[in-house]
Amino acid sequence: MLSGFHRISGCVMAGTLLVGGIGFAVLPFDFTAFVDFIRSWNLPCAVTAVFKYIIAFPIIFHTLNGIRFLGFDLAKGVNNVGQIYKSGYLVSGLSAILALAIVFNSCQNKSNKTA
């Protein structure tokens, strides 16, 4: 399950970078203009937090799970199925916690700038 999500998250991130890179190279506006356009909507932090979490979680998960797979390539813990499941739960939990921390920090920074 985690191996599949690892592959899917990698493909989605690569596709997003490819489409975004080509799109911003071809379109008549740049990334900063796009970000300013989104900011002009004045969306509440709760709405932007959802989208930030959707972006942050796969990046963090892919990074941490990649490190986990590198450990498997070094033959660390691959003979113990319980260890494989525990490391998978650890990666999933850490990814969720770190993504929430990043989103919370960005909302705090946004509220500090408006105050």
PDB file of N, CA and C in Angstrom:
ATOM      1  N   MET A   1       0.828  -1.194   0.000  1.00  0.00           N
ATOM      2  CA  MET A   1       0.000   0.000   0.000  1.00  0.00           C
ATOM      3  C   MET A   1       0.869   1.252   0.000  1.00  0.00           C
ATOM      4  N   LEU A   2       1.847   1.315   0.918  1.00  0.00           N
ATOM      5  CA  LEU A   2       2.704   2.495   0.974  1.00  0.00           C
ATOM      6  C   LEU A   2       3.600   2.586  -0.251  1.00  0.00           C
ATOM      7  N   SER A   3       4.006   1.440  -0.777  1.00  0.00           N
ATOM      8  CA  SER A   3       4.829   1.447  -1.979  1.00  0.00           C
ATOM      9  C   SER A   3       4.047   2.043  -3.149  1.00  0.00           C
ATOM     10  N   GLY A   4       2.785   1.673  -3.250  1.00  0.00           N
ATOM     11  CA  GLY A   4       1.945   2.221  -4.314  1.00  0.00           C
ATOM     12  C   GLY A   4       1.740   3.712  -4.170  1.00  0.00           C
ATOM     13  N   PHE A   5       1.460   4.164  -2.946  1.00  0.00           N
ATOM     14  CA  PHE A   5       1.272   5.599  -2.728  1.00  0.00           C
ATOM     15  C   PHE A   5       2.567   6.356  -2.966  1.00  0.00           C
ATOM     16  N   HIS A   6       3.697   5.725  -2.644  1.00  0.00           N
ATOM     17  CA  HIS A   6       4.999   6.349  -2.893  1.00  0.00           C
ATOM     18  C   HIS A   6       5.191   6.575  -4.395  1.00  0.00           C
ATOM     19  N   ARG A   7       4.869   5.580  -5.187  1.00  0.00           N
ATOM     20  CA  ARG A   7       5.014   5.696  -6.639  1.00  0.00           C
ATOM     21  C   ARG A   7       4.026   6.708  -7.207  1.00  0.00           C
ATOM     22  N   ILE A   8       2.792   6.662  -6.730  1.00  0.00           N
ATOM     23  CA  ILE A   8       1.779   7.600  -7.222  1.00  0.00           C
ATOM     24  C   ILE A   8       2.150   9.029  -6.855  1.00  0.00           C
ATOM     25  N   SER A   9       2.587   9.255  -5.617  1.00  0.00           N
ATOM     26  CA  SER A   9       2.946  10.617  -5.208  1.00  0.00           C
ATOM     27  C   SER A   9       4.130  11.126  -6.022  1.00  0.00           C
ATOM     28  N   GLY A  10       5.083  10.267  -6.327  1.00  0.00           N
ATOM     29  CA  GLY A  10       6.214  10.678  -7.157  1.00  0.00           C
ATOM     30  C   GLY A  10       5.785  11.046  -8.562  1.00  0.00           C
ATOM     31  N   CYS A  11       4.898  10.248  -9.151  1.00  0.00           N
ATOM     32  CA  CYS A  11       4.411  10.541 -10.504  1.00  0.00           C
ATOM     33  C   CYS A  11       3.586  11.819 -10.538  1.00  0.00           C
ATOM     34  N   VAL A  12       2.734  12.015  -9.541  1.00  0.00           N
ATOM     35  CA  VAL A  12       1.907  13.226  -9.499  1.00  0.00           C
ATOM     36  C   VAL A  12       2.779  14.465  -9.321  1.00  0.00           C
ATOM     37  N   MET A  13       3.778  14.389  -8.448  1.00  0.00           N
ATOM     38  CA  MET A  13       4.665  15.545  -8.254  1.00  0.00           C
ATOM     39  C   MET A  13       5.461  15.837  -9.521  1.00  0.00           C
ATOM     40  N   ALA A  14       5.964  14.801 -10.184  1.00  0.00           N
ATOM     41  CA  ALA A  14       6.715  15.005 -11.423  1.00  0.00           C
ATOM     42  C   ALA A  14       5.816  15.584 -12.513  1.00  0.00           C
ATOM     43  N   GLY A  15       4.599  15.067 -12.616  1.00  0.00           N
ATOM     44  CA  GLY A  15       3.656  15.591 -13.605  1.00  0.00           C
ATOM     45  C   GLY A  15       3.283  17.032 -13.344  1.00  0.00           C
ATOM     46  N   THR A  16       3.098  17.365 -12.066  1.00  0.00           N
ATOM     47  CA  THR A  16       2.765  18.743 -11.700  1.00  0.00           C
ATOM     48  C   THR A  16       3.904  19.686 -12.061  1.00  0.00           C
ATOM     49  N   LEU A  17       5.124  19.285 -11.765  1.00  0.00           N
ATOM     50  CA  LEU A  17       6.277  20.113 -12.124  1.00  0.00           C
ATOM     51  C   LEU A  17       6.408  20.257 -13.636  1.00  0.00           C
ATOM     52  N   LEU A  18       6.164  19.186 -14.366  1.00  0.00           N
ATOM     53  CA  LEU A  18       6.257  19.232 -15.819  1.00  0.00           C
ATOM     54  C   LEU A  18       5.200  20.155 -16.411  1.00  0.00           C
ATOM     55  N   VAL A  19       3.945  19.949 -16.025  1.00  0.00           N
ATOM     56  CA  VAL A  19       2.853  20.775 -16.552  1.00  0.00           C
ATOM     57  C   VAL A  19       3.009  22.224 -16.100  1.00  0.00           C
ATOM     58  N   GLY A  20       3.346  22.426 -14.819  1.00  0.00           N
ATOM     59  CA  GLY A  20       3.536  23.784 -14.315  1.00  0.00           C
ATOM     60  C   GLY A  20       4.697  24.486 -14.986  1.00  0.00           C
ATOM     61  N   GLY A  21       5.795  23.784 -15.170  1.00  0.00           N
ATOM     62  CA  GLY A  21       6.961  24.380 -15.822  1.00  0.00           C
ATOM     63  C   GLY A  21       6.680  24.771 -17.255  1.00  0.00           C
ATOM     64  N   ILE A  22       6.054  23.870 -17.992  1.00  0.00           N
ATOM     65  CA  ILE A  22       5.709  24.182 -19.382  1.00  0.00           C
ATOM     66  C   ILE A  22       4.650  25.276 -19.423  1.00  0.00           C
ATOM     67  N   GLY A  23       3.669  25.179 -18.527  1.00  0.00           N
ATOM     68  CA  GLY A  23       2.598  26.178 -18.510  1.00  0.00           C
ATOM     69  C   GLY A  23       3.108  27.580 -18.249  1.00  0.00           C
ATOM     70  N   PHE A  24       3.961  27.731 -17.251  1.00  0.00           N
ATOM     71  CA  PHE A  24       4.470  29.067 -16.944  1.00  0.00           C
ATOM     72  C   PHE A  24       5.483  29.538 -17.981  1.00  0.00           C
ATOM     73  N   ALA A  25       6.090  28.622 -18.727  1.00  0.00           N
ATOM     74  CA  ALA A  25       6.991  29.026 -19.807  1.00  0.00           C
ATOM     75  C   ALA A  25       6.206  29.527 -21.013  1.00  0.00           C
ATOM     76  N   VAL A  26       5.016  28.978 -21.233  1.00  0.00           N
ATOM     77  CA  VAL A  26       4.221  29.312 -22.415  1.00  0.00           C
ATOM     78  C   VAL A  26       3.235  30.447 -22.146  1.00  0.00           C
ATOM     79  N   LEU A  27       2.643  30.475 -20.964  1.00  0.00           N
ATOM     80  CA  LEU A  27       1.610  31.468 -20.660  1.00  0.00           C
ATOM     81  C   LEU A  27       2.210  32.862 -20.503  1.00  0.00           C
ATOM     82  N   PRO A  28       1.384  33.897 -20.702  1.00  0.00           N
ATOM     83  CA  PRO A  28       1.909  35.270 -20.665  1.00  0.00           C
ATOM     84  C   PRO A  28       2.132  35.832 -19.261  1.00  0.00           C
ATOM     85  N   PHE A  29       1.993  35.026 -18.214  1.00  0.00           N
ATOM     86  CA  PHE A  29       2.250  35.515 -16.856  1.00  0.00           C
ATOM     87  C   PHE A  29       3.163  34.528 -16.141  1.00  0.00           C
ATOM     88  N   ASP A  30       3.812  34.997 -15.091  1.00  0.00           N
ATOM     89  CA  ASP A  30       4.755  34.149 -14.371  1.00  0.00           C
ATOM     90  C   ASP A  30       4.145  33.659 -13.060  1.00  0.00           C
ATOM     91  N   PHE A  31       4.924  32.886 -12.331  1.00  0.00           N
ATOM     92  CA  PHE A  31       4.439  32.263 -11.102  1.00  0.00           C
ATOM     93  C   PHE A  31       4.059  33.292 -10.050  1.00  0.00           C
ATOM     94  N   THR A  32       4.842  34.351  -9.913  1.00  0.00           N
ATOM     95  CA  THR A  32       4.531  35.366  -8.896  1.00  0.00           C
ATOM     96  C   THR A  32       3.221  36.073  -9.210  1.00  0.00           C
ATOM     97  N   ALA A  33       2.941  36.310 -10.484  1.00  0.00           N
ATOM     98  CA  ALA A  33       1.660  36.916 -10.856  1.00  0.00           C
ATOM     99  C   ALA A  33       0.514  35.966 -10.523  1.00  0.00           C
ATOM    100  N   PHE A  34       0.730  34.674 -10.725  1.00  0.00           N
ATOM    101  CA  PHE A  34      -0.287  33.679 -10.398  1.00  0.00           C
ATOM    102  C   PHE A  34      -0.558  33.655  -8.894  1.00  0.00           C
ATOM    103  N   VAL A  35       0.510  33.689  -8.091  1.00  0.00           N
ATOM    104  CA  VAL A  35       0.353  33.694  -6.630  1.00  0.00           C
ATOM    105  C   VAL A  35      -0.357  34.967  -6.180  1.00  0.00           C
ATOM    106  N   ASP A  36       0.015  36.104  -6.747  1.00  0.00           N
ATOM    107  CA  ASP A  36      -0.661  37.363  -6.405  1.00  0.00           C
ATOM    108  C   ASP A  36      -2.137  37.317  -6.780  1.00  0.00           C
ATOM    109  N   PHE A  37      -2.452  36.680  -7.904  1.00  0.00           N
ATOM    110  CA  PHE A  37      -3.848  36.537  -8.322  1.00  0.00           C
ATOM    111  C   PHE A  37      -4.635  35.714  -7.303  1.00  0.00           C
ATOM    112  N   ILE A  38      -4.072  34.616  -6.839  1.00  0.00           N
ATOM    113  CA  ILE A  38      -4.741  33.782  -5.831  1.00  0.00           C
ATOM    114  C   ILE A  38      -4.888  34.554  -4.519  1.00  0.00           C
ATOM    115  N   ARG A  39      -3.850  35.283  -4.126  1.00  0.00           N
ATOM    116  CA  ARG A  39      -3.916  36.063  -2.884  1.00  0.00           C
ATOM    117  C   ARG A  39      -4.965  37.163  -2.965  1.00  0.00           C
ATOM    118  N   SER A  40      -5.230  37.672  -4.153  1.00  0.00           N
ATOM    119  CA  SER A  40      -6.222  38.745  -4.299  1.00  0.00           C
ATOM    120  C   SER A  40      -7.634  38.262  -3.988  1.00  0.00           C
ATOM    121  N   TRP A  41      -7.843  36.963  -3.955  1.00  0.00           N
ATOM    122  CA  TRP A  41      -9.154  36.422  -3.602  1.00  0.00           C
ATOM    123  C   TRP A  41      -9.434  36.566  -2.116  1.00  0.00           C
ATOM    124  N   ASN A  42      -8.411  36.799  -1.303  1.00  0.00           N
ATOM    125  CA  ASN A  42      -8.547  36.944   0.151  1.00  0.00           C
ATOM    126  C   ASN A  42      -9.290  35.765   0.790  1.00  0.00           C
ATOM    127  N   LEU A  43      -8.858  34.570   0.453  1.00  0.00           N
ATOM    128  CA  LEU A  43      -9.468  33.362   1.012  1.00  0.00           C
ATOM    129  C   LEU A  43      -9.105  33.241   2.485  1.00  0.00           C
ATOM    130  N   PRO A  44     -10.016  32.729   3.300  1.00  0.00           N
ATOM    131  CA  PRO A  44      -9.686  32.527   4.717  1.00  0.00           C
ATOM    132  C   PRO A  44      -8.606  31.456   4.867  1.00  0.00           C
ATOM    133  N   CYS A  45      -7.919  31.532   5.971  1.00  0.00           N
ATOM    134  CA  CYS A  45      -6.804  30.617   6.226  1.00  0.00           C
ATOM    135  C   CYS A  45      -7.265  29.156   6.237  1.00  0.00           C
ATOM    136  N   ALA A  46      -8.478  28.897   6.680  1.00  0.00           N
ATOM    137  CA  ALA A  46      -8.976  27.515   6.723  1.00  0.00           C
ATOM    138  C   ALA A  46      -9.057  26.915   5.320  1.00  0.00           C
ATOM    139  N   VAL A  47      -9.421  27.725   4.343  1.00  0.00           N
ATOM    140  CA  VAL A  47      -9.528  27.234   2.965  1.00  0.00           C
ATOM    141  C   VAL A  47      -8.140  26.990   2.382  1.00  0.00           C
ATOM    142  N   THR A  48      -7.250  27.952   2.547  1.00  0.00           N
ATOM    143  CA  THR A  48      -5.901  27.774   2.003  1.00  0.00           C
ATOM    144  C   THR A  48      -5.150  26.665   2.739  1.00  0.00           C
ATOM    145  N   ALA A  49      -5.464  26.458   4.013  1.00  0.00           N
ATOM    146  CA  ALA A  49      -4.795  25.406   4.783  1.00  0.00           C
ATOM    147  C   ALA A  49      -5.078  24.031   4.188  1.00  0.00           C
ATOM    148  N   VAL A  50      -6.293  23.816   3.723  1.00  0.00           N
ATOM    149  CA  VAL A  50      -6.637  22.525   3.112  1.00  0.00           C
ATOM    150  C   VAL A  50      -5.777  22.285   1.873  1.00  0.00           C
ATOM    151  N   PHE A  51      -5.661  23.300   1.026  1.00  0.00           N
ATOM    152  CA  PHE A  51      -4.863  23.147  -0.189  1.00  0.00           C
ATOM    153  C   PHE A  51      -3.376  23.010   0.127  1.00  0.00           C
ATOM    154  N   LYS A  52      -2.915  23.737   1.132  1.00  0.00           N
ATOM    155  CA  LYS A  52      -1.510  23.618   1.529  1.00  0.00           C
ATOM    156  C   LYS A  52      -1.220  22.219   2.069  1.00  0.00           C
ATOM    157  N   TYR A  53      -2.162  21.642   2.804  1.00  0.00           N
ATOM    158  CA  TYR A  53      -1.971  20.286   3.323  1.00  0.00           C
ATOM    159  C   TYR A  53      -1.942  19.280   2.173  1.00  0.00           C
ATOM    160  N   ILE A  54      -2.821  19.486   1.191  1.00  0.00           N
ATOM    161  CA  ILE A  54      -2.858  18.594   0.028  1.00  0.00           C
ATOM    162  C   ILE A  54      -1.529  18.632  -0.724  1.00  0.00           C
ATOM    163  N   ILE A  55      -0.875  19.773  -0.716  1.00  0.00           N
ATOM    164  CA  ILE A  55       0.425  19.898  -1.376  1.00  0.00           C
ATOM    165  C   ILE A  55       1.546  19.373  -0.477  1.00  0.00           C
ATOM    166  N   ALA A  56       1.510  19.711   0.805  1.00  0.00           N
ATOM    167  CA  ALA A  56       2.622  19.383   1.708  1.00  0.00           C
ATOM    168  C   ALA A  56       2.706  17.892   2.028  1.00  0.00           C
ATOM    169  N   PHE A  57       1.571  17.244   2.246  1.00  0.00           N
ATOM    170  CA  PHE A  57       1.612  15.845   2.688  1.00  0.00           C
ATOM    171  C   PHE A  57       2.324  14.923   1.701  1.00  0.00           C
ATOM    172  N   PRO A  58       1.983  14.943   0.412  1.00  0.00           N
ATOM    173  CA  PRO A  58       2.685  14.023  -0.494  1.00  0.00           C
ATOM    174  C   PRO A  58       4.186  14.285  -0.595  1.00  0.00           C
ATOM    175  N   ILE A  59       4.584  15.558  -0.515  1.00  0.00           N
ATOM    176  CA  ILE A  59       6.014  15.873  -0.598  1.00  0.00           C
ATOM    177  C   ILE A  59       6.749  15.296   0.606  1.00  0.00           C
ATOM    178  N   ILE A  60       6.196  15.512   1.783  1.00  0.00           N
ATOM    179  CA  ILE A  60       6.832  14.999   3.001  1.00  0.00           C
ATOM    180  C   ILE A  60       6.796  13.476   3.022  1.00  0.00           C
ATOM    181  N   PHE A  61       5.650  12.901   2.665  1.00  0.00           N
ATOM    182  CA  PHE A  61       5.534  11.442   2.651  1.00  0.00           C
ATOM    183  C   PHE A  61       6.540  10.830   1.688  1.00  0.00           C
ATOM    184  N   HIS A  62       6.630  11.382   0.494  1.00  0.00           N
ATOM    185  CA  HIS A  62       7.530  10.833  -0.516  1.00  0.00           C
ATOM    186  C   HIS A  62       8.982  10.907  -0.039  1.00  0.00           C
ATOM    187  N   THR A  63       9.329  11.991   0.620  1.00  0.00           N
ATOM    188  CA  THR A  63      10.689  12.146   1.137  1.00  0.00           C
ATOM    189  C   THR A  63      10.981  11.128   2.240  1.00  0.00           C
ATOM    190  N   LEU A  64      10.103  11.067   3.241  1.00  0.00           N
ATOM    191  CA  LEU A  64      10.337  10.146   4.362  1.00  0.00           C
ATOM    192  C   LEU A  64      10.267   8.687   3.926  1.00  0.00           C
ATOM    193  N   ASN A  65       9.324   8.364   3.062  1.00  0.00           N
ATOM    194  CA  ASN A  65       9.204   6.980   2.611  1.00  0.00           C
ATOM    195  C   ASN A  65      10.375   6.606   1.702  1.00  0.00           C
ATOM    196  N   GLY A  66      10.901   7.574   0.968  1.00  0.00           N
ATOM    197  CA  GLY A  66      12.095   7.320   0.168  1.00  0.00           C
ATOM    198  C   GLY A  66      13.283   6.969   1.044  1.00  0.00           C
ATOM    199  N   ILE A  67      13.414   7.678   2.164  1.00  0.00           N
ATOM    200  CA  ILE A  67      14.480   7.353   3.117  1.00  0.00           C
ATOM    201  C   ILE A  67      14.253   5.955   3.692  1.00  0.00           C
ATOM    202  N   ARG A  68      13.002   5.626   3.960  1.00  0.00           N
ATOM    203  CA  ARG A  68      12.660   4.285   4.465  1.00  0.00           C
ATOM    204  C   ARG A  68      13.047   3.216   3.442  1.00  0.00           C
ATOM    205  N   PHE A  69      12.747   3.463   2.176  1.00  0.00           N
ATOM    206  CA  PHE A  69      13.100   2.495   1.137  1.00  0.00           C
ATOM    207  C   PHE A  69      14.609   2.368   0.967  1.00  0.00           C
ATOM    208  N   LEU A  70      15.338   3.465   1.170  1.00  0.00           N
ATOM    209  CA  LEU A  70      16.798   3.374   1.123  1.00  0.00           C
ATOM    210  C   LEU A  70      17.310   2.449   2.222  1.00  0.00           C
ATOM    211  N   GLY A  71      16.653   2.490   3.371  1.00  0.00           N
ATOM    212  CA  GLY A  71      17.002   1.557   4.440  1.00  0.00           C
ATOM    213  C   GLY A  71      16.748   0.120   4.028  1.00  0.00           C
ATOM    214  N   PHE A  72      15.655  -0.109   3.299  1.00  0.00           N
ATOM    215  CA  PHE A  72      15.380  -1.461   2.814  1.00  0.00           C
ATOM    216  C   PHE A  72      16.440  -1.888   1.804  1.00  0.00           C
ATOM    217  N   ASP A  73      16.896  -0.948   0.967  1.00  0.00           N
ATOM    218  CA  ASP A  73      17.940  -1.276  -0.003  1.00  0.00           C
ATOM    219  C   ASP A  73      19.240  -1.677   0.687  1.00  0.00           C
ATOM    220  N   LEU A  74      19.449  -1.156   1.886  1.00  0.00           N
ATOM    221  CA  LEU A  74      20.620  -1.543   2.667  1.00  0.00           C
ATOM    222  C   LEU A  74      20.361  -2.813   3.473  1.00  0.00           C
ATOM    223  N   ALA A  75      19.194  -3.427   3.243  1.00  0.00           N
ATOM    224  CA  ALA A  75      18.784  -4.676   3.899  1.00  0.00           C
ATOM    225  C   ALA A  75      18.628  -4.500   5.398  1.00  0.00           C
ATOM    226  N   LYS A  76      18.088  -3.369   5.818  1.00  0.00           N
ATOM    227  CA  LYS A  76      17.831  -3.121   7.237  1.00  0.00           C
ATOM    228  C   LYS A  76      16.340  -3.338   7.508  1.00  0.00           C
ATOM    229  N   GLY A  77      16.008  -4.372   8.220  1.00  0.00           N
ATOM    230  CA  GLY A  77      14.632  -4.620   8.626  1.00  0.00           C
ATOM    231  C   GLY A  77      13.745  -5.273   7.588  1.00  0.00           C
ATOM    232  N   VAL A  78      14.315  -5.782   6.492  1.00  0.00           N
ATOM    233  CA  VAL A  78      13.468  -6.368   5.457  1.00  0.00           C
ATOM    234  C   VAL A  78      13.059  -7.804   5.765  1.00  0.00           C
ATOM    235  N   ASN A  79      13.694  -8.434   6.719  1.00  0.00           N
ATOM    236  CA  ASN A  79      13.351  -9.813   7.068  1.00  0.00           C
ATOM    237  C   ASN A  79      12.254  -9.894   8.112  1.00  0.00           C
ATOM    238  N   ASN A  80      11.886  -8.785   8.695  1.00  0.00           N
ATOM    239  CA  ASN A  80      10.907  -8.755   9.772  1.00  0.00           C
ATOM    240  C   ASN A  80       9.677  -7.983   9.300  1.00  0.00           C
ATOM    241  N   VAL A  81       8.595  -8.702   9.033  1.00  0.00           N
ATOM    242  CA  VAL A  81       7.383  -8.066   8.518  1.00  0.00           C
ATOM    243  C   VAL A  81       6.826  -7.060   9.517  1.00  0.00           C
ATOM    244  N   GLY A  82       6.904  -7.362  10.796  1.00  0.00           N
ATOM    245  CA  GLY A  82       6.433  -6.426  11.815  1.00  0.00           C
ATOM    246  C   GLY A  82       7.198  -5.115  11.772  1.00  0.00           C
ATOM    247  N   GLN A  83       8.496  -5.199  11.552  1.00  0.00           N
ATOM    248  CA  GLN A  83       9.326  -3.996  11.448  1.00  0.00           C
ATOM    249  C   GLN A  83       8.945  -3.177  10.215  1.00  0.00           C
ATOM    250  N   ILE A  84       8.618  -3.842   9.133  1.00  0.00           N
ATOM    251  CA  ILE A  84       8.205  -3.143   7.910  1.00  0.00           C
ATOM    252  C   ILE A  84       6.911  -2.380   8.165  1.00  0.00           C
ATOM    253  N   TYR A  85       5.947  -3.018   8.818  1.00  0.00           N
ATOM    254  CA  TYR A  85       4.683  -2.335   9.119  1.00  0.00           C
ATOM    255  C   TYR A  85       4.886  -1.178  10.095  1.00  0.00           C
ATOM    256  N   LYS A  86       5.706  -1.390  11.114  1.00  0.00           N
ATOM    257  CA  LYS A  86       5.956  -0.319  12.089  1.00  0.00           C
ATOM    258  C   LYS A  86       6.601   0.891  11.425  1.00  0.00           C
ATOM    259  N   SER A  87       7.570   0.645  10.554  1.00  0.00           N
ATOM    260  CA  SER A  87       8.218   1.771   9.875  1.00  0.00           C
ATOM    261  C   SER A  87       7.238   2.470   8.936  1.00  0.00           C
ATOM    262  N   GLY A  88       6.313   1.717   8.353  1.00  0.00           N
ATOM    263  CA  GLY A  88       5.289   2.329   7.502  1.00  0.00           C
ATOM    264  C   GLY A  88       4.341   3.208   8.295  1.00  0.00           C
ATOM    265  N   TYR A  89       3.920   2.720   9.462  1.00  0.00           N
ATOM    266  CA  TYR A  89       3.061   3.542  10.324  1.00  0.00           C
ATOM    267  C   TYR A  89       3.797   4.790  10.797  1.00  0.00           C
ATOM    268  N   LEU A  90       5.075   4.640  11.110  1.00  0.00           N
ATOM    269  CA  LEU A  90       5.876   5.783  11.550  1.00  0.00           C
ATOM    270  C   LEU A  90       5.977   6.834  10.447  1.00  0.00           C
ATOM    271  N   VAL A  91       6.254   6.401   9.232  1.00  0.00           N
ATOM    272  CA  VAL A  91       6.355   7.334   8.104  1.00  0.00           C
ATOM    273  C   VAL A  91       5.018   8.027   7.865  1.00  0.00           C
ATOM    274  N   SER A  92       3.926   7.281   7.900  1.00  0.00           N
ATOM    275  CA  SER A  92       2.604   7.881   7.677  1.00  0.00           C
ATOM    276  C   SER A  92       2.266   8.896   8.762  1.00  0.00           C
ATOM    277  N   GLY A  93       2.505   8.528  10.015  1.00  0.00           N
ATOM    278  CA  GLY A  93       2.213   9.437  11.120  1.00  0.00           C
ATOM    279  C   GLY A  93       3.079  10.677  11.105  1.00  0.00           C
ATOM    280  N   LEU A  94       4.383  10.500  10.891  1.00  0.00           N
ATOM    281  CA  LEU A  94       5.280  11.654  10.829  1.00  0.00           C
ATOM    282  C   LEU A  94       4.921  12.575   9.669  1.00  0.00           C
ATOM    283  N   SER A  95       4.536  11.996   8.545  1.00  0.00           N
ATOM    284  CA  SER A  95       4.152  12.809   7.391  1.00  0.00           C
ATOM    285  C   SER A  95       2.939  13.665   7.716  1.00  0.00           C
ATOM    286  N   ALA A  96       1.940  13.070   8.350  1.00  0.00           N
ATOM    287  CA  ALA A  96       0.735  13.822   8.711  1.00  0.00           C
ATOM    288  C   ALA A  96       1.054  14.924   9.714  1.00  0.00           C
ATOM    289  N   ILE A  97       1.866  14.604  10.716  1.00  0.00           N
ATOM    290  CA  ILE A  97       2.201  15.592  11.750  1.00  0.00           C
ATOM    291  C   ILE A  97       3.029  16.734  11.168  1.00  0.00           C
ATOM    292  N   LEU A  98       4.034  16.409  10.363  1.00  0.00           N
ATOM    293  CA  LEU A  98       4.874  17.455   9.780  1.00  0.00           C
ATOM    294  C   LEU A  98       4.092  18.330   8.803  1.00  0.00           C
ATOM    295  N   ALA A  99       3.201  17.723   8.020  1.00  0.00           N
ATOM    296  CA  ALA A  99       2.383  18.518   7.098  1.00  0.00           C
ATOM    297  C   ALA A  99       1.467  19.459   7.876  1.00  0.00           C
ATOM    298  N   LEU A 100       0.875  18.969   8.957  1.00  0.00           N
ATOM    299  CA  LEU A 100       0.046  19.844   9.798  1.00  0.00           C
ATOM    300  C   LEU A 100       0.870  20.968  10.409  1.00  0.00           C
ATOM    301  N   ALA A 101       2.086  20.666  10.837  1.00  0.00           N
ATOM    302  CA  ALA A 101       2.951  21.698  11.422  1.00  0.00           C
ATOM    303  C   ALA A 101       3.296  22.772  10.396  1.00  0.00           C
ATOM    304  N   ILE A 102       3.571  22.368   9.177  1.00  0.00           N
ATOM    305  CA  ILE A 102       3.880  23.338   8.124  1.00  0.00           C
ATOM    306  C   ILE A 102       2.675  24.211   7.833  1.00  0.00           C
ATOM    307  N   VAL A 103       1.504  23.609   7.714  1.00  0.00           N
ATOM    308  CA  VAL A 103       0.287  24.375   7.431  1.00  0.00           C
ATOM    309  C   VAL A 103      -0.033  25.305   8.592  1.00  0.00           C
ATOM    310  N   PHE A 104       0.082  24.808   9.817  1.00  0.00           N
ATOM    311  CA  PHE A 104      -0.189  25.645  10.989  1.00  0.00           C
ATOM    312  C   PHE A 104       0.771  26.829  11.037  1.00  0.00           C
ATOM    313  N   ASN A 105       2.039  26.578  10.752  1.00  0.00           N
ATOM    314  CA  ASN A 105       3.034  27.647  10.757  1.00  0.00           C
ATOM    315  C   ASN A 105       2.723  28.693   9.688  1.00  0.00           C
ATOM    316  N   SER A 106       2.296  28.257   8.512  1.00  0.00           N
ATOM    317  CA  SER A 106       1.985  29.224   7.454  1.00  0.00           C
ATOM    318  C   SER A 106       0.750  30.042   7.805  1.00  0.00           C
ATOM    319  N   CYS A 107      -0.227  29.425   8.478  1.00  0.00           N
ATOM    320  CA  CYS A 107      -1.410  30.189   8.911  1.00  0.00           C
ATOM    321  C   CYS A 107      -1.038  31.176  10.008  1.00  0.00           C
ATOM    322  N   GLN A 108      -0.140  30.781  10.906  1.00  0.00           N
ATOM    323  CA  GLN A 108       0.318  31.693  11.958  1.00  0.00           C
ATOM    324  C   GLN A 108       1.051  32.880  11.343  1.00  0.00           C
ATOM    325  N   ASN A 109       1.905  32.622  10.359  1.00  0.00           N
ATOM    326  CA  ASN A 109       2.633  33.704   9.698  1.00  0.00           C
ATOM    327  C   ASN A 109       1.679  34.638   8.970  1.00  0.00           C
ATOM    328  N   LYS A 110       0.631  34.075   8.364  1.00  0.00           N
ATOM    329  CA  LYS A 110      -0.344  34.897   7.656  1.00  0.00           C
ATOM    330  C   LYS A 110      -1.104  35.783   8.638  1.00  0.00           C
ATOM    331  N   SER A 111      -1.483  35.240   9.799  1.00  0.00           N
ATOM    332  CA  SER A 111      -2.225  36.040  10.778  1.00  0.00           C
ATOM    333  C   SER A 111      -1.329  37.098  11.409  1.00  0.00           C
ATOM    334  N   ASN A 112      -0.037  36.813  11.557  1.00  0.00           N
ATOM    335  CA  ASN A 112       0.888  37.805  12.106  1.00  0.00           C
ATOM    336  C   ASN A 112       1.109  38.960  11.136  1.00  0.00           C
ATOM    337  N   LYS A 113       1.088  38.684   9.836  1.00  0.00           N
ATOM    338  CA  LYS A 113       1.285  39.738   8.843  1.00  0.00           C
ATOM    339  C   LYS A 113       0.079  40.658   8.749  1.00  0.00           C
ATOM    340  N   THR A 114      -1.120  40.094   8.962  1.00  0.00           N
ATOM    341  CA  THR A 114      -2.328  40.918   8.864  1.00  0.00           C
ATOM    342  C   THR A 114      -2.588  41.697  10.141  1.00  0.00           C
ATOM    343  N   ALA A 115      -1.995  41.282  11.253  1.00  0.00           N
ATOM    344  CA  ALA A 115      -2.234  41.957  12.535  1.00  0.00           C
ATOM    345  C   ALA A 115      -1.424  43.225  12.667  1.00  0.00           C
TER     346      ALA A 115
END
